[in-house]
Amino acid sequence: MQISRTEPTEAYLQALEDEQRGALHDRTTVWGFLWVLFLFKAGTVAATMWAAGLTSEATVLLSITTWPWLIIPGLALSGPLLYRYRLRRVRARKVALHRAEWLVNE
């Protein structure tokens, strides 16, 4: 007796597409929330600086109290930036290796 492979049904494929669309929507919602949170914090810090008269004491105090808000975006942006940097290095090395392979000195 031979076991036949069943093809995915149309309902299964539709459910899979809906799940992928939902995951994309969820990711967009989370990133939107995080950007709004960060921009609100930056706006609050700017308004506080302006209300304090842009003095050096206010700048020091706000820097001390809000330093985690500088680290969090720095960490969030470091991943994609390091990825792009590494990708550029790898591509440059690939081009150099390709050039070295075909340009033979006589």
N, C-alpha and C. Protein backbone atom coordinates (compact mmCIF):
# COMPACT_ATOMS: atom_id res chain seq x y z
N MET A 1 0.85 -1.18 0.00
CA MET A 1 0.00 0.00 0.00
C MET A 1 0.89 1.25 0.00
N GLN A 2 0.67 2.13 -0.91
CA GLN A 2 1.47 3.34 -1.05
C GLN A 2 0.75 4.52 -0.41
N ILE A 3 1.52 5.31 0.38
CA ILE A 3 0.94 6.48 1.02
C ILE A 3 1.08 7.66 0.07
N SER A 4 -0.02 8.30 -0.23
CA SER A 4 0.03 9.43 -1.16
C SER A 4 0.22 10.73 -0.38
N ARG A 5 0.98 11.60 -0.98
CA ARG A 5 1.19 12.92 -0.39
C ARG A 5 0.01 13.81 -0.74
N THR A 6 -0.57 14.41 0.24
CA THR A 6 -1.70 15.30 -0.04
C THR A 6 -1.19 16.71 -0.29
N GLU A 7 -1.77 17.36 -1.23
CA GLU A 7 -1.42 18.73 -1.55
C GLU A 7 -2.09 19.66 -0.53
N PRO A 8 -1.45 20.78 -0.22
CA PRO A 8 -2.07 21.73 0.71
C PRO A 8 -3.39 22.23 0.13
N THR A 9 -4.37 22.30 0.97
CA THR A 9 -5.67 22.77 0.52
C THR A 9 -5.69 24.29 0.45
N GLU A 10 -6.65 24.78 -0.26
CA GLU A 10 -6.80 26.25 -0.42
C GLU A 10 -7.05 26.92 0.93
N ALA A 11 -7.82 26.26 1.79
CA ALA A 11 -8.12 26.84 3.12
C ALA A 11 -6.85 26.92 3.96
N TYR A 12 -6.00 25.89 3.87
CA TYR A 12 -4.74 25.89 4.62
C TYR A 12 -3.83 27.02 4.15
N LEU A 13 -3.72 27.19 2.83
CA LEU A 13 -2.88 28.26 2.29
C LEU A 13 -3.41 29.63 2.68
N GLN A 14 -4.74 29.79 2.67
CA GLN A 14 -5.35 31.06 3.06
C GLN A 14 -5.08 31.35 4.53
N ALA A 15 -5.19 30.33 5.38
CA ALA A 15 -4.92 30.51 6.81
C ALA A 15 -3.46 30.88 7.05
N LEU A 16 -2.56 30.28 6.29
CA LEU A 16 -1.13 30.59 6.41
C LEU A 16 -0.84 32.03 6.00
N GLU A 17 -1.45 32.49 4.92
CA GLU A 17 -1.28 33.87 4.49
C GLU A 17 -1.85 34.85 5.52
N ASP A 18 -3.00 34.52 6.09
CA ASP A 18 -3.59 35.38 7.12
C ASP A 18 -2.69 35.48 8.34
N GLU A 19 -2.09 34.37 8.71
CA GLU A 19 -1.19 34.36 9.87
C GLU A 19 0.04 35.22 9.61
N GLN A 20 0.59 35.15 8.40
CA GLN A 20 1.76 35.96 8.06
C GLN A 20 1.40 37.44 8.03
N ARG A 21 0.23 37.77 7.51
CA ARG A 21 -0.20 39.17 7.51
C ARG A 21 -0.40 39.68 8.94
N GLY A 22 -0.95 38.83 9.81
CA GLY A 22 -1.14 39.21 11.21
C GLY A 22 0.18 39.43 11.92
N ALA A 23 1.18 38.60 11.63
CA ALA A 23 2.49 38.76 12.26
C ALA A 23 3.14 40.06 11.80
N LEU A 24 3.00 40.39 10.53
CA LEU A 24 3.55 41.65 10.02
C LEU A 24 2.84 42.83 10.66
N HIS A 25 1.53 42.75 10.81
CA HIS A 25 0.76 43.81 11.44
C HIS A 25 1.18 43.99 12.90
N ASP A 26 1.38 42.88 13.62
CA ASP A 26 1.81 42.95 15.01
C ASP A 26 3.17 43.62 15.14
N ARG A 27 4.10 43.26 14.27
CA ARG A 27 5.44 43.84 14.31
C ARG A 27 5.38 45.34 14.05
N THR A 28 4.57 45.75 13.07
CA THR A 28 4.41 47.17 12.76
C THR A 28 3.82 47.91 13.95
N THR A 29 2.86 47.31 14.62
CA THR A 29 2.24 47.94 15.78
C THR A 29 3.24 48.13 16.91
N VAL A 30 4.05 47.13 17.18
CA VAL A 30 5.04 47.24 18.25
C VAL A 30 6.07 48.31 17.94
N TRP A 31 6.59 48.33 16.71
CA TRP A 31 7.57 49.35 16.35
C TRP A 31 6.97 50.75 16.40
N GLY A 32 5.73 50.89 15.97
CA GLY A 32 5.06 52.18 16.06
C GLY A 32 4.94 52.65 17.49
N PHE A 33 4.56 51.74 18.38
CA PHE A 33 4.45 52.08 19.80
C PHE A 33 5.79 52.50 20.38
N LEU A 34 6.85 51.75 20.06
CA LEU A 34 8.17 52.09 20.60
C LEU A 34 8.66 53.44 20.10
N TRP A 35 8.43 53.75 18.82
CA TRP A 35 8.85 55.05 18.30
C TRP A 35 8.06 56.18 18.94
N VAL A 36 6.76 56.00 19.13
CA VAL A 36 5.95 57.03 19.79
C VAL A 36 6.44 57.23 21.22
N LEU A 37 6.73 56.15 21.92
CA LEU A 37 7.24 56.25 23.29
C LEU A 37 8.55 57.02 23.32
N PHE A 38 9.47 56.70 22.42
CA PHE A 38 10.76 57.38 22.38
C PHE A 38 10.60 58.85 22.03
N LEU A 39 9.78 59.16 21.02
CA LEU A 39 9.58 60.56 20.63
C LEU A 39 8.90 61.36 21.74
N PHE A 40 7.96 60.74 22.44
CA PHE A 40 7.32 61.42 23.56
C PHE A 40 8.34 61.73 24.65
N LYS A 41 9.21 60.79 24.95
CA LYS A 41 10.24 61.02 25.96
C LYS A 41 11.19 62.12 25.51
N ALA A 42 11.60 62.09 24.25
CA ALA A 42 12.50 63.14 23.75
C ALA A 42 11.82 64.50 23.79
N GLY A 43 10.55 64.55 23.44
CA GLY A 43 9.80 65.81 23.51
C GLY A 43 9.65 66.32 24.93
N THR A 44 9.43 65.41 25.87
CA THR A 44 9.32 65.80 27.27
C THR A 44 10.64 66.35 27.79
N VAL A 45 11.74 65.72 27.43
CA VAL A 45 13.06 66.21 27.84
C VAL A 45 13.32 67.58 27.22
N ALA A 46 12.99 67.76 25.95
CA ALA A 46 13.20 69.05 25.29
C ALA A 46 12.34 70.14 25.94
N ALA A 47 11.09 69.82 26.25
CA ALA A 47 10.22 70.81 26.90
C ALA A 47 10.73 71.15 28.29
N THR A 48 11.24 70.17 29.02
CA THR A 48 11.79 70.42 30.35
C THR A 48 13.03 71.30 30.25
N MET A 49 13.88 71.04 29.27
CA MET A 49 15.08 71.87 29.07
C MET A 49 14.68 73.31 28.75
N TRP A 50 13.69 73.46 27.89
CA TRP A 50 13.25 74.79 27.51
C TRP A 50 12.65 75.52 28.71
N ALA A 51 11.85 74.79 29.51
CA ALA A 51 11.22 75.41 30.69
C ALA A 51 12.27 75.77 31.74
N ALA A 52 13.37 75.04 31.80
CA ALA A 52 14.43 75.32 32.78
C ALA A 52 15.36 76.43 32.30
N GLY A 53 15.13 76.95 31.12
CA GLY A 53 15.93 78.06 30.62
C GLY A 53 17.22 77.64 29.95
N LEU A 54 17.35 76.39 29.58
CA LEU A 54 18.55 75.88 28.89
C LEU A 54 19.84 76.17 29.67
N THR A 55 19.78 76.05 30.97
CA THR A 55 20.96 76.29 31.80
C THR A 55 21.82 75.04 31.84
N SER A 56 23.08 75.21 32.23
CA SER A 56 23.98 74.06 32.30
C SER A 56 23.58 73.11 33.42
N GLU A 57 23.03 73.65 34.52
CA GLU A 57 22.58 72.79 35.61
C GLU A 57 21.42 71.90 35.16
N ALA A 58 20.50 72.46 34.40
CA ALA A 58 19.37 71.67 33.90
C ALA A 58 19.86 70.61 32.92
N THR A 59 20.84 70.96 32.10
CA THR A 59 21.38 70.00 31.15
C THR A 59 22.03 68.83 31.87
N VAL A 60 22.81 69.12 32.91
CA VAL A 60 23.46 68.05 33.68
C VAL A 60 22.42 67.18 34.37
N LEU A 61 21.43 67.82 35.00
CA LEU A 61 20.40 67.06 35.72
C LEU A 61 19.61 66.17 34.76
N LEU A 62 19.21 66.72 33.62
CA LEU A 62 18.46 65.91 32.66
C LEU A 62 19.32 64.81 32.06
N SER A 63 20.59 65.07 31.84
CA SER A 63 21.48 64.03 31.31
C SER A 63 21.62 62.88 32.30
N ILE A 64 21.72 63.22 33.57
CA ILE A 64 21.86 62.18 34.59
C ILE A 64 20.59 61.36 34.73
N THR A 65 19.44 62.02 34.67
CA THR A 65 18.18 61.30 34.90
C THR A 65 17.65 60.58 33.66
N THR A 66 18.12 60.93 32.49
CA THR A 66 17.58 60.30 31.28
C THR A 66 18.60 59.49 30.50
N TRP A 67 19.73 59.15 31.08
CA TRP A 67 20.76 58.41 30.34
C TRP A 67 20.28 57.04 29.84
N PRO A 68 19.40 56.34 30.56
CA PRO A 68 18.95 55.06 29.98
C PRO A 68 18.22 55.24 28.65
N TRP A 69 17.58 56.38 28.47
CA TRP A 69 16.86 56.62 27.22
C TRP A 69 17.81 56.89 26.06
N LEU A 70 19.06 57.13 26.35
CA LEU A 70 20.05 57.25 25.29
C LEU A 70 20.66 55.89 24.97
N ILE A 71 20.76 55.03 25.97
CA ILE A 71 21.34 53.70 25.77
C ILE A 71 20.38 52.77 25.03
N ILE A 72 19.12 52.82 25.38
CA ILE A 72 18.13 51.92 24.77
C ILE A 72 18.05 52.11 23.25
N PRO A 73 17.89 53.34 22.74
CA PRO A 73 17.91 53.48 21.28
C PRO A 73 19.27 53.14 20.67
N GLY A 74 20.34 53.41 21.41
CA GLY A 74 21.66 53.06 20.91
C GLY A 74 21.81 51.56 20.73
N LEU A 75 21.31 50.81 21.68
CA LEU A 75 21.34 49.34 21.55
C LEU A 75 20.42 48.86 20.44
N ALA A 76 19.27 49.49 20.33
CA ALA A 76 18.32 49.09 19.29
C ALA A 76 18.86 49.37 17.89
N LEU A 77 19.60 50.45 17.74
CA LEU A 77 20.13 50.79 16.42
C LEU A 77 21.46 50.11 16.12
N SER A 78 22.16 49.65 17.15
CA SER A 78 23.47 49.06 16.91
C SER A 78 23.38 47.75 16.13
N GLY A 79 22.34 46.97 16.35
CA GLY A 79 22.19 45.71 15.63
C GLY A 79 22.11 45.89 14.13
N PRO A 80 21.14 46.67 13.63
CA PRO A 80 21.07 46.89 12.19
C PRO A 80 22.31 47.59 11.62
N LEU A 81 22.89 48.52 12.37
CA LEU A 81 24.08 49.21 11.87
C LEU A 81 25.27 48.26 11.76
N LEU A 82 25.47 47.41 12.77
CA LEU A 82 26.55 46.44 12.71
C LEU A 82 26.32 45.43 11.59
N TYR A 83 25.07 45.05 11.38
CA TYR A 83 24.75 44.13 10.29
C TYR A 83 25.12 44.74 8.94
N ARG A 84 24.73 45.99 8.72
CA ARG A 84 25.04 46.67 7.46
C ARG A 84 26.54 46.82 7.28
N TYR A 85 27.25 47.16 8.36
CA TYR A 85 28.70 47.31 8.28
C TYR A 85 29.35 45.98 7.88
N ARG A 86 28.92 44.90 8.51
CA ARG A 86 29.48 43.59 8.19
C ARG A 86 29.12 43.17 6.76
N LEU A 87 27.91 43.47 6.35
CA LEU A 87 27.48 43.14 4.99
C LEU A 87 28.33 43.87 3.95
N ARG A 88 28.64 45.14 4.21
CA ARG A 88 29.49 45.89 3.28
C ARG A 88 30.90 45.30 3.23
N ARG A 89 31.44 44.91 4.40
CA ARG A 89 32.77 44.31 4.43
C ARG A 89 32.81 42.99 3.67
N VAL A 90 31.79 42.17 3.87
CA VAL A 90 31.74 40.87 3.19
C VAL A 90 31.61 41.05 1.68
N ARG A 91 30.78 41.99 1.27
CA ARG A 91 30.62 42.23 -0.17
C ARG A 91 31.91 42.77 -0.79
N ALA A 92 32.59 43.66 -0.07
CA ALA A 92 33.87 44.18 -0.58
C ALA A 92 34.89 43.07 -0.69
N ARG A 93 34.91 42.19 0.28
CA ARG A 93 35.86 41.06 0.23
C ARG A 93 35.52 40.12 -0.91
N LYS A 94 34.24 39.91 -1.16
CA LYS A 94 33.82 39.05 -2.26
C LYS A 94 34.28 39.63 -3.59
N VAL A 95 34.11 40.94 -3.76
CA VAL A 95 34.56 41.59 -5.00
C VAL A 95 36.07 41.47 -5.14
N ALA A 96 36.81 41.68 -4.03
CA ALA A 96 38.28 41.58 -4.09
C ALA A 96 38.71 40.16 -4.44
N LEU A 97 38.07 39.17 -3.87
CA LEU A 97 38.41 37.78 -4.18
C LEU A 97 38.08 37.45 -5.63
N HIS A 98 36.95 37.94 -6.10
CA HIS A 98 36.57 37.70 -7.49
C HIS A 98 37.57 38.36 -8.43
N ARG A 99 37.98 39.58 -8.11
CA ARG A 99 38.96 40.28 -8.94
C ARG A 99 40.30 39.55 -8.91
N ALA A 100 40.70 39.09 -7.73
CA ALA A 100 41.97 38.37 -7.62
C ALA A 100 41.94 37.06 -8.38
N GLU A 101 40.78 36.46 -8.47
CA GLU A 101 40.68 35.18 -9.18
C GLU A 101 40.85 35.35 -10.68
N TRP A 102 40.33 36.43 -11.22
CA TRP A 102 40.34 36.60 -12.67
C TRP A 102 41.45 37.49 -13.19
N LEU A 103 42.05 38.31 -12.36
CA LEU A 103 43.15 39.16 -12.79
C LEU A 103 44.46 38.53 -12.38
N VAL A 104 45.01 37.73 -13.24
CA VAL A 104 46.23 37.02 -12.94
C VAL A 104 47.40 37.83 -13.48
N ASN A 105 48.40 38.09 -12.61
CA ASN A 105 49.61 38.81 -13.04
C ASN A 105 50.53 37.85 -13.79
N GLU A 106 51.08 38.32 -14.88
CA GLU A 106 51.98 37.46 -15.65
C GLU A 106 53.41 37.85 -15.42
